[in-house]
Amino acid sequence: MATIIYQKNKCIGCHACVEWAPDRWRISRKDGKSILMGSQLKKKVYVAAINDREVLQNLRAAEKCPLKAIKVCA
């Protein structure tokens, strides 16, 4: 099982994560930034455990994030 680590404070709302992994990411209507679905806030970062079938999509989302706010750890 892998983990996504997301630094929301770096997010500029470009929607790349939503395009590459729509099952895990949404855009907030409140601030226009991404929301990592199923995550918990831990020490100013959002963390979510993902299953093996989600890893590739989220690796692509992390790669496309212009500010590198997303990290996927195996």
PDB file of N, CA and C in Angstrom:
ATOM      1  N   MET A   1       0.839  -1.176   0.000  1.00  0.00           N
ATOM      2  CA  MET A   1       0.000   0.000   0.000  1.00  0.00           C
ATOM      3  C   MET A   1       0.887   1.244   0.000  1.00  0.00           C
ATOM      4  N   ALA A   2       0.502   2.234  -0.781  1.00  0.00           N
ATOM      5  CA  ALA A   2       1.253   3.478  -0.913  1.00  0.00           C
ATOM      6  C   ALA A   2       0.546   4.607  -0.163  1.00  0.00           C
ATOM      7  N   THR A   3       1.246   5.731  -0.058  1.00  0.00           N
ATOM      8  CA  THR A   3       0.723   6.894   0.645  1.00  0.00           C
ATOM      9  C   THR A   3       0.922   8.141  -0.204  1.00  0.00           C
ATOM     10  N   ILE A   4      -0.085   9.008  -0.196  1.00  0.00           N
ATOM     11  CA  ILE A   4       0.032  10.316  -0.836  1.00  0.00           C
ATOM     12  C   ILE A   4       0.254  11.336   0.264  1.00  0.00           C
ATOM     13  N   ILE A   5       1.218  12.213   0.034  1.00  0.00           N
ATOM     14  CA  ILE A   5       1.460  13.337   0.932  1.00  0.00           C
ATOM     15  C   ILE A   5       1.231  14.608   0.113  1.00  0.00           C
ATOM     16  N   TYR A   6       0.349  15.468   0.612  1.00  0.00           N
ATOM     17  CA  TYR A   6      -0.081  16.650  -0.135  1.00  0.00           C
ATOM     18  C   TYR A   6       0.100  17.907   0.708  1.00  0.00           C
ATOM     19  N   GLN A   7       0.828  18.868   0.175  1.00  0.00           N
ATOM     20  CA  GLN A   7       1.052  20.156   0.835  1.00  0.00           C
ATOM     21  C   GLN A   7       0.108  21.192   0.224  1.00  0.00           C
ATOM     22  N   LYS A   8      -1.051  21.320   0.832  1.00  0.00           N
ATOM     23  CA  LYS A   8      -2.093  22.198   0.283  1.00  0.00           C
ATOM     24  C   LYS A   8      -1.643  23.651   0.189  1.00  0.00           C
ATOM     25  N   ASN A   9      -0.781  24.078   1.094  1.00  0.00           N
ATOM     26  CA  ASN A   9      -0.323  25.472   1.074  1.00  0.00           C
ATOM     27  C   ASN A   9       0.451  25.813  -0.205  1.00  0.00           C
ATOM     28  N   LYS A  10       0.988  24.825  -0.906  1.00  0.00           N
ATOM     29  CA  LYS A  10       1.699  25.049  -2.165  1.00  0.00           C
ATOM     30  C   LYS A  10       0.759  25.060  -3.379  1.00  0.00           C
ATOM     31  N   CYS A  11      -0.436  24.547  -3.226  1.00  0.00           N
ATOM     32  CA  CYS A  11      -1.375  24.372  -4.343  1.00  0.00           C
ATOM     33  C   CYS A  11      -1.796  25.711  -4.948  1.00  0.00           C
ATOM     34  N   ILE A  12      -1.818  25.764  -6.295  1.00  0.00           N
ATOM     35  CA  ILE A  12      -2.291  26.952  -7.004  1.00  0.00           C
ATOM     36  C   ILE A  12      -3.598  26.670  -7.751  1.00  0.00           C
ATOM     37  N   GLY A  13      -4.137  25.465  -7.601  1.00  0.00           N
ATOM     38  CA  GLY A  13      -5.419  25.128  -8.219  1.00  0.00           C
ATOM     39  C   GLY A  13      -5.354  24.955  -9.722  1.00  0.00           C
ATOM     40  N   CYS A  14      -4.305  24.347 -10.227  1.00  0.00           N
ATOM     41  CA  CYS A  14      -4.157  24.177 -11.676  1.00  0.00           C
ATOM     42  C   CYS A  14      -4.990  23.023 -12.236  1.00  0.00           C
ATOM     43  N   HIS A  15      -5.504  22.154 -11.367  1.00  0.00           N
ATOM     44  CA  HIS A  15      -6.381  21.032 -11.719  1.00  0.00           C
ATOM     45  C   HIS A  15      -5.674  19.833 -12.332  1.00  0.00           C
ATOM     46  N   ALA A  16      -4.352  19.822 -12.381  1.00  0.00           N
ATOM     47  CA  ALA A  16      -3.639  18.687 -12.977  1.00  0.00           C
ATOM     48  C   ALA A  16      -3.931  17.394 -12.221  1.00  0.00           C
ATOM     49  N   CYS A  17      -3.978  17.458 -10.909  1.00  0.00           N
ATOM     50  CA  CYS A  17      -4.237  16.252 -10.117  1.00  0.00           C
ATOM     51  C   CYS A  17      -5.632  15.702 -10.393  1.00  0.00           C
ATOM     52  N   VAL A  18      -6.598  16.587 -10.558  1.00  0.00           N
ATOM     53  CA  VAL A  18      -7.980  16.163 -10.835  1.00  0.00           C
ATOM     54  C   VAL A  18      -8.060  15.499 -12.207  1.00  0.00           C
ATOM     55  N   GLU A  19      -7.321  16.023 -13.161  1.00  0.00           N
ATOM     56  CA  GLU A  19      -7.327  15.447 -14.508  1.00  0.00           C
ATOM     57  C   GLU A  19      -6.708  14.055 -14.534  1.00  0.00           C
ATOM     58  N   TRP A  20      -5.633  13.840 -13.775  1.00  0.00           N
ATOM     59  CA  TRP A  20      -4.917  12.564 -13.803  1.00  0.00           C
ATOM     60  C   TRP A  20      -5.455  11.525 -12.830  1.00  0.00           C
ATOM     61  N   ALA A  21      -6.035  11.970 -11.717  1.00  0.00           N
ATOM     62  CA  ALA A  21      -6.548  11.023 -10.709  1.00  0.00           C
ATOM     63  C   ALA A  21      -7.887  11.527 -10.155  1.00  0.00           C
ATOM     64  N   PRO A  22      -8.917  11.555 -10.985  1.00  0.00           N
ATOM     65  CA  PRO A  22     -10.198  12.140 -10.569  1.00  0.00           C
ATOM     66  C   PRO A  22     -10.908  11.388  -9.445  1.00  0.00           C
ATOM     67  N   ASP A  23     -10.569  10.143  -9.211  1.00  0.00           N
ATOM     68  CA  ASP A  23     -11.198   9.397  -8.125  1.00  0.00           C
ATOM     69  C   ASP A  23     -10.680   9.840  -6.758  1.00  0.00           C
ATOM     70  N   ARG A  24      -9.523  10.478  -6.721  1.00  0.00           N
ATOM     71  CA  ARG A  24      -8.889  10.838  -5.453  1.00  0.00           C
ATOM     72  C   ARG A  24      -8.857  12.343  -5.206  1.00  0.00           C
ATOM     73  N   TRP A  25      -8.980  13.153  -6.266  1.00  0.00           N
ATOM     74  CA  TRP A  25      -8.821  14.605  -6.136  1.00  0.00           C
ATOM     75  C   TRP A  25     -10.064  15.366  -6.564  1.00  0.00           C
ATOM     76  N   ARG A  26     -10.337  16.472  -5.879  1.00  0.00           N
ATOM     77  CA  ARG A  26     -11.430  17.388  -6.198  1.00  0.00           C
ATOM     78  C   ARG A  26     -10.900  18.817  -6.038  1.00  0.00           C
ATOM     79  N   ILE A  27     -11.618  19.780  -6.598  1.00  0.00           N
ATOM     80  CA  ILE A  27     -11.277  21.186  -6.420  1.00  0.00           C
ATOM     81  C   ILE A  27     -12.283  21.805  -5.460  1.00  0.00           C
ATOM     82  N   SER A  28     -11.768  22.520  -4.488  1.00  0.00           N
ATOM     83  CA  SER A  28     -12.613  23.178  -3.497  1.00  0.00           C
ATOM     84  C   SER A  28     -13.286  24.394  -4.103  1.00  0.00           C
ATOM     85  N   ARG A  29     -14.577  24.529  -3.880  1.00  0.00           N
ATOM     86  CA  ARG A  29     -15.285  25.726  -4.330  1.00  0.00           C
ATOM     87  C   ARG A  29     -14.956  26.908  -3.423  1.00  0.00           C
ATOM     88  N   LYS A  30     -14.507  26.607  -2.227  1.00  0.00           N
ATOM     89  CA  LYS A  30     -14.201  27.647  -1.249  1.00  0.00           C
ATOM     90  C   LYS A  30     -12.937  28.439  -1.601  1.00  0.00           C
ATOM     91  N   ASP A  31     -11.843  27.728  -1.895  1.00  0.00           N
ATOM     92  CA  ASP A  31     -10.581  28.421  -2.159  1.00  0.00           C
ATOM     93  C   ASP A  31      -9.946  28.089  -3.510  1.00  0.00           C
ATOM     94  N   GLY A  32     -10.552  27.189  -4.283  1.00  0.00           N
ATOM     95  CA  GLY A  32     -10.030  26.851  -5.602  1.00  0.00           C
ATOM     96  C   GLY A  32      -8.843  25.920  -5.596  1.00  0.00           C
ATOM     97  N   LYS A  33      -8.450  25.437  -4.415  1.00  0.00           N
ATOM     98  CA  LYS A  33      -7.318  24.519  -4.313  1.00  0.00           C
ATOM     99  C   LYS A  33      -7.809  23.075  -4.317  1.00  0.00           C
ATOM    100  N   SER A  34      -6.895  22.169  -4.535  1.00  0.00           N
ATOM    101  CA  SER A  34      -7.227  20.749  -4.579  1.00  0.00           C
ATOM    102  C   SER A  34      -7.532  20.202  -3.192  1.00  0.00           C
ATOM    103  N   ILE A  35      -8.399  19.192  -3.189  1.00  0.00           N
ATOM    104  CA  ILE A  35      -8.746  18.462  -1.973  1.00  0.00           C
ATOM    105  C   ILE A  35      -8.352  17.010  -2.210  1.00  0.00           C
ATOM    106  N   LEU A  36      -7.580  16.448  -1.311  1.00  0.00           N
ATOM    107  CA  LEU A  36      -7.201  15.037  -1.372  1.00  0.00           C
ATOM    108  C   LEU A  36      -8.263  14.242  -0.633  1.00  0.00           C
ATOM    109  N   MET A  37      -9.087  13.548  -1.379  1.00  0.00           N
ATOM    110  CA  MET A  37     -10.210  12.808  -0.805  1.00  0.00           C
ATOM    111  C   MET A  37      -9.702  11.649   0.055  1.00  0.00           C
ATOM    112  N   GLY A  38     -10.315  11.484   1.224  1.00  0.00           N
ATOM    113  CA  GLY A  38      -9.956  10.393   2.115  1.00  0.00           C
ATOM    114  C   GLY A  38      -8.682  10.633   2.897  1.00  0.00           C
ATOM    115  N   SER A  39      -8.261  11.890   2.990  1.00  0.00           N
ATOM    116  CA  SER A  39      -7.001  12.198   3.674  1.00  0.00           C
ATOM    117  C   SER A  39      -7.246  12.699   5.095  1.00  0.00           C
ATOM    118  N   GLN A  40      -6.152  12.727   5.847  1.00  0.00           N
ATOM    119  CA  GLN A  40      -6.146  13.285   7.195  1.00  0.00           C
ATOM    120  C   GLN A  40      -5.047  14.331   7.269  1.00  0.00           C
ATOM    121  N   LEU A  41      -5.305  15.395   8.009  1.00  0.00           N
ATOM    122  CA  LEU A  41      -4.313  16.447   8.200  1.00  0.00           C
ATOM    123  C   LEU A  41      -3.361  16.041   9.312  1.00  0.00           C
ATOM    124  N   LYS A  42      -2.065  15.976   8.976  1.00  0.00           N
ATOM    125  CA  LYS A  42      -1.025  15.598   9.940  1.00  0.00           C
ATOM    126  C   LYS A  42       0.165  16.526   9.765  1.00  0.00           C
ATOM    127  N   LYS A  43       0.446  17.314  10.772  1.00  0.00           N
ATOM    128  CA  LYS A  43       1.606  18.218  10.749  1.00  0.00           C
ATOM    129  C   LYS A  43       1.649  19.098   9.503  1.00  0.00           C
ATOM    130  N   LYS A  44       0.544  19.746   9.210  1.00  0.00           N
ATOM    131  CA  LYS A  44       0.400  20.700   8.110  1.00  0.00           C
ATOM    132  C   LYS A  44       0.436  20.087   6.715  1.00  0.00           C
ATOM    133  N   VAL A  45       0.373  18.767   6.598  1.00  0.00           N
ATOM    134  CA  VAL A  45       0.241  18.102   5.299  1.00  0.00           C
ATOM    135  C   VAL A  45      -0.922  17.120   5.363  1.00  0.00           C
ATOM    136  N   TYR A  46      -1.513  16.866   4.227  1.00  0.00           N
ATOM    137  CA  TYR A  46      -2.595  15.889   4.134  1.00  0.00           C
ATOM    138  C   TYR A  46      -2.001  14.560   3.702  1.00  0.00           C
ATOM    139  N   VAL A  47      -2.445  13.486   4.342  1.00  0.00           N
ATOM    140  CA  VAL A  47      -1.909  12.153   4.089  1.00  0.00           C
ATOM    141  C   VAL A  47      -3.071  11.208   3.818  1.00  0.00           C
ATOM    142  N   ALA A  48      -2.930  10.380   2.773  1.00  0.00           N
ATOM    143  CA  ALA A  48      -3.946   9.383   2.448  1.00  0.00           C
ATOM    144  C   ALA A  48      -3.276   8.096   1.989  1.00  0.00           C
ATOM    145  N   ALA A  49      -3.764   6.995   2.501  1.00  0.00           N
ATOM    146  CA  ALA A  49      -3.302   5.677   2.040  1.00  0.00           C
ATOM    147  C   ALA A  49      -4.088   5.324   0.786  1.00  0.00           C
ATOM    148  N   ILE A  50      -3.379   4.800  -0.210  1.00  0.00           N
ATOM    149  CA  ILE A  50      -4.034   4.401  -1.459  1.00  0.00           C
ATOM    150  C   ILE A  50      -3.683   2.959  -1.787  1.00  0.00           C
ATOM    151  N   ASN A  51      -4.568   2.332  -2.558  1.00  0.00           N
ATOM    152  CA  ASN A  51      -4.308   0.944  -2.947  1.00  0.00           C
ATOM    153  C   ASN A  51      -3.462   0.901  -4.220  1.00  0.00           C
ATOM    154  N   ASP A  52      -3.027  -0.272  -4.568  1.00  0.00           N
ATOM    155  CA  ASP A  52      -2.103  -0.448  -5.695  1.00  0.00           C
ATOM    156  C   ASP A  52      -2.654   0.045  -7.026  1.00  0.00           C
ATOM    157  N   ARG A  53      -3.940  -0.060  -7.229  1.00  0.00           N
ATOM    158  CA  ARG A  53      -4.501   0.354  -8.519  1.00  0.00           C
ATOM    159  C   ARG A  53      -4.548   1.878  -8.680  1.00  0.00           C
ATOM    160  N   GLU A  54      -4.397   2.618  -7.584  1.00  0.00           N
ATOM    161  CA  GLU A  54      -4.394   4.081  -7.633  1.00  0.00           C
ATOM    162  C   GLU A  54      -3.000   4.681  -7.778  1.00  0.00           C
ATOM    163  N   VAL A  55      -1.984   3.891  -7.600  1.00  0.00           N
ATOM    164  CA  VAL A  55      -0.618   4.415  -7.554  1.00  0.00           C
ATOM    165  C   VAL A  55      -0.222   5.096  -8.864  1.00  0.00           C
ATOM    166  N   LEU A  56      -0.416   4.460  -9.986  1.00  0.00           N
ATOM    167  CA  LEU A  56       0.027   5.015 -11.269  1.00  0.00           C
ATOM    168  C   LEU A  56      -0.639   6.361 -11.559  1.00  0.00           C
ATOM    169  N   GLN A  57      -1.943   6.440 -11.361  1.00  0.00           N
ATOM    170  CA  GLN A  57      -2.655   7.699 -11.597  1.00  0.00           C
ATOM    171  C   GLN A  57      -2.104   8.813 -10.716  1.00  0.00           C
ATOM    172  N   ASN A  58      -1.872   8.508  -9.454  1.00  0.00           N
ATOM    173  CA  ASN A  58      -1.403   9.538  -8.528  1.00  0.00           C
ATOM    174  C   ASN A  58       0.067   9.880  -8.724  1.00  0.00           C
ATOM    175  N   LEU A  59       0.862   8.944  -9.205  1.00  0.00           N
ATOM    176  CA  LEU A  59       2.238   9.274  -9.594  1.00  0.00           C
ATOM    177  C   LEU A  59       2.232  10.272 -10.746  1.00  0.00           C
ATOM    178  N   ARG A  60       1.330  10.063 -11.690  1.00  0.00           N
ATOM    179  CA  ARG A  60       1.209  11.012 -12.809  1.00  0.00           C
ATOM    180  C   ARG A  60       0.726  12.370 -12.320  1.00  0.00           C
ATOM    181  N   ALA A  61      -0.229  12.374 -11.408  1.00  0.00           N
ATOM    182  CA  ALA A  61      -0.718  13.634 -10.845  1.00  0.00           C
ATOM    183  C   ALA A  61       0.421  14.378 -10.147  1.00  0.00           C
ATOM    184  N   ALA A  62       1.235  13.659  -9.381  1.00  0.00           N
ATOM    185  CA  ALA A  62       2.370  14.272  -8.686  1.00  0.00           C
ATOM    186  C   ALA A  62       3.384  14.826  -9.681  1.00  0.00           C
ATOM    187  N   GLU A  63       3.615  14.085 -10.753  1.00  0.00           N
ATOM    188  CA  GLU A  63       4.565  14.512 -11.785  1.00  0.00           C
ATOM    189  C   GLU A  63       4.092  15.780 -12.487  1.00  0.00           C
ATOM    190  N   LYS A  64       2.794  15.902 -12.712  1.00  0.00           N
ATOM    191  CA  LYS A  64       2.236  17.041 -13.438  1.00  0.00           C
ATOM    192  C   LYS A  64       2.010  18.267 -12.558  1.00  0.00           C
ATOM    193  N   CYS A  65       2.065  18.114 -11.252  1.00  0.00           N
ATOM    194  CA  CYS A  65       1.865  19.246 -10.331  1.00  0.00           C
ATOM    195  C   CYS A  65       3.015  20.242 -10.518  1.00  0.00           C
ATOM    196  N   PRO A  66       2.726  21.470 -10.961  1.00  0.00           N
ATOM    197  CA  PRO A  66       3.802  22.412 -11.261  1.00  0.00           C
ATOM    198  C   PRO A  66       4.599  22.858 -10.026  1.00  0.00           C
ATOM    199  N   LEU A  67       4.011  22.777  -8.852  1.00  0.00           N
ATOM    200  CA  LEU A  67       4.713  23.211  -7.652  1.00  0.00           C
ATOM    201  C   LEU A  67       5.143  22.051  -6.765  1.00  0.00           C
ATOM    202  N   LYS A  68       5.008  20.827  -7.282  1.00  0.00           N
ATOM    203  CA  LYS A  68       5.437  19.615  -6.560  1.00  0.00           C
ATOM    204  C   LYS A  68       4.833  19.545  -5.156  1.00  0.00           C
ATOM    205  N   ALA A  69       3.526  19.825  -5.086  1.00  0.00           N
ATOM    206  CA  ALA A  69       2.805  19.778  -3.804  1.00  0.00           C
ATOM    207  C   ALA A  69       2.380  18.357  -3.432  1.00  0.00           C
ATOM    208  N   ILE A  70       2.527  17.416  -4.376  1.00  0.00           N
ATOM    209  CA  ILE A  70       2.079  16.033  -4.176  1.00  0.00           C
ATOM    210  C   ILE A  70       3.275  15.098  -4.229  1.00  0.00           C
ATOM    211  N   LYS A  71       3.312  14.166  -3.281  1.00  0.00           N
ATOM    212  CA  LYS A  71       4.343  13.135  -3.283  1.00  0.00           C
ATOM    213  C   LYS A  71       3.660  11.789  -3.044  1.00  0.00           C
ATOM    214  N   VAL A  72       4.050  10.772  -3.798  1.00  0.00           N
ATOM    215  CA  VAL A  72       3.534   9.419  -3.607  1.00  0.00           C
ATOM    216  C   VAL A  72       4.683   8.555  -3.100  1.00  0.00           C
ATOM    217  N   CYS A  73       4.488   7.944  -1.938  1.00  0.00           N
ATOM    218  CA  CYS A  73       5.501   7.105  -1.322  1.00  0.00           C
ATOM    219  C   CYS A  73       5.013   5.655  -1.288  1.00  0.00           C
ATOM    220  N   ALA A  74       5.868   4.757  -1.739  1.00  0.00           N
ATOM    221  CA  ALA A  74       5.499   3.328  -1.766  1.00  0.00           C
ATOM    222  C   ALA A  74       5.678   2.685  -0.411  1.00  0.00           C
TER     223      ALA A  74
END
